[in-house]
Amino acid sequence: MSNTSDTTQSISISSKEALYYTIDEAVKKLKVTKRTVYNWAKNGKLNCIIMPNGFKCYDVDGFLNKSFCVGSRAGKNTCGRKTN
């Protein structure tokens, strides 16, 4: 199932109860750079799928559910695992 946003022309994919976002949507939602999203996916911190057209889509909500982000003094995000 895909939804196209009228304002950004981006695609969100829903698969197995997970919502996957394009790189631009992931960057906006996570408030990080594209390089950070790529690195997190490469290191297994952020799940992604590759679409038939070669684009990657990212499970941002799943990442946020297992991580937390807090602002540092420098104004950047520092992310870590939730502690229970």
Protein backbone atom coordinates (compact mmCIF):
# COMPACT_ATOMS: atom_id res chain seq x y z
CA MET A 1 0.00 0.00 0.00
CA SER A 2 1.44 3.41 -0.87
CA ASN A 3 0.35 6.92 -0.07
CA THR A 4 1.50 9.92 -2.08
CA SER A 5 1.69 13.25 -0.30
CA ASP A 6 0.31 16.10 -2.40
CA THR A 7 2.84 18.62 -1.09
CA THR A 8 6.12 16.67 -1.21
CA GLN A 9 5.39 13.95 -3.79
CA SER A 10 6.97 11.42 -1.44
CA ILE A 11 5.90 7.86 -0.78
CA SER A 12 5.23 6.10 2.50
CA ILE A 13 5.00 2.32 2.37
CA SER A 14 3.10 0.23 4.90
CA SER A 15 4.38 -3.33 5.27
CA LYS A 16 3.69 -5.87 8.03
CA GLU A 17 2.29 -3.17 10.35
CA ALA A 18 5.37 -0.95 9.82
CA LEU A 19 5.30 2.35 8.00
CA TYR A 20 8.35 3.00 5.82
CA TYR A 21 9.42 6.52 4.85
CA THR A 22 11.52 7.92 2.02
CA ILE A 23 14.93 9.36 2.90
CA ASP A 24 13.59 12.92 2.83
CA GLU A 25 10.69 12.03 5.15
CA ALA A 26 13.04 10.13 7.49
CA VAL A 27 15.41 13.11 7.66
CA LYS A 28 12.57 15.46 8.57
CA LYS A 29 11.03 13.13 11.13
CA LEU A 30 14.33 12.23 12.82
CA LYS A 31 15.85 15.72 12.49
CA VAL A 32 19.20 14.33 11.31
CA THR A 33 21.16 14.43 8.06
CA LYS A 34 20.79 12.01 5.15
CA ARG A 35 24.27 10.65 5.95
CA THR A 36 23.12 9.80 9.51
CA VAL A 37 20.07 7.93 8.19
CA TYR A 38 22.27 6.01 5.73
CA ASN A 39 24.77 5.17 8.48
CA TRP A 40 22.09 4.00 10.92
CA ALA A 41 20.62 1.75 8.21
CA LYS A 42 24.06 0.41 7.27
CA ASN A 43 24.84 -0.35 10.93
CA GLY A 44 21.48 -2.05 11.51
CA LYS A 45 20.09 0.61 13.84
CA LEU A 46 17.39 1.66 11.37
CA ASN A 47 15.51 -0.95 9.33
CA CYS A 48 15.05 -0.27 5.65
CA ILE A 49 13.66 -1.96 2.57
CA ILE A 50 14.71 -1.50 -1.04
CA MET A 51 11.87 -0.80 -3.42
CA PRO A 52 11.69 -2.31 -6.94
CA ASN A 53 12.81 1.06 -8.33
CA GLY A 54 15.99 0.91 -6.18
CA PHE A 55 14.94 3.52 -3.62
CA LYS A 56 15.31 2.73 0.07
CA CYS A 57 12.48 3.31 2.54
CA TYR A 58 13.08 3.46 6.30
CA ASP A 59 11.17 2.20 9.37
CA VAL A 60 11.39 5.48 11.32
CA ASP A 61 8.53 4.69 13.71
CA GLY A 62 10.10 1.36 14.66
CA PHE A 63 13.38 3.12 15.30
CA LEU A 64 11.74 5.76 17.46
CA ASN A 65 9.89 3.09 19.47
CA LYS A 66 13.17 1.43 20.45
CA SER A 67 15.28 4.59 20.82
CA PHE A 68 15.04 7.97 22.42
CA CYS A 69 16.61 11.28 21.39
CA VAL A 70 17.59 14.10 23.68
CA GLY A 71 19.03 17.48 22.76
CA SER A 72 22.64 18.13 23.63
CA ARG A 73 24.18 21.46 24.58
CA ALA A 74 25.41 21.87 21.01
CA GLY A 75 21.82 21.68 19.77
CA LYS A 76 22.30 18.30 18.07
CA ASN A 77 20.45 15.10 18.83
CA THR A 78 22.12 12.35 20.81
CA CYS A 79 20.30 9.05 20.46
CA GLY A 80 20.42 5.98 22.65
CA ARG A 81 18.42 2.98 23.73
CA LYS A 82 15.49 3.20 26.12
CA THR A 83 16.19 1.92 29.57
CA ASN A 84 13.45 -0.05 31.27
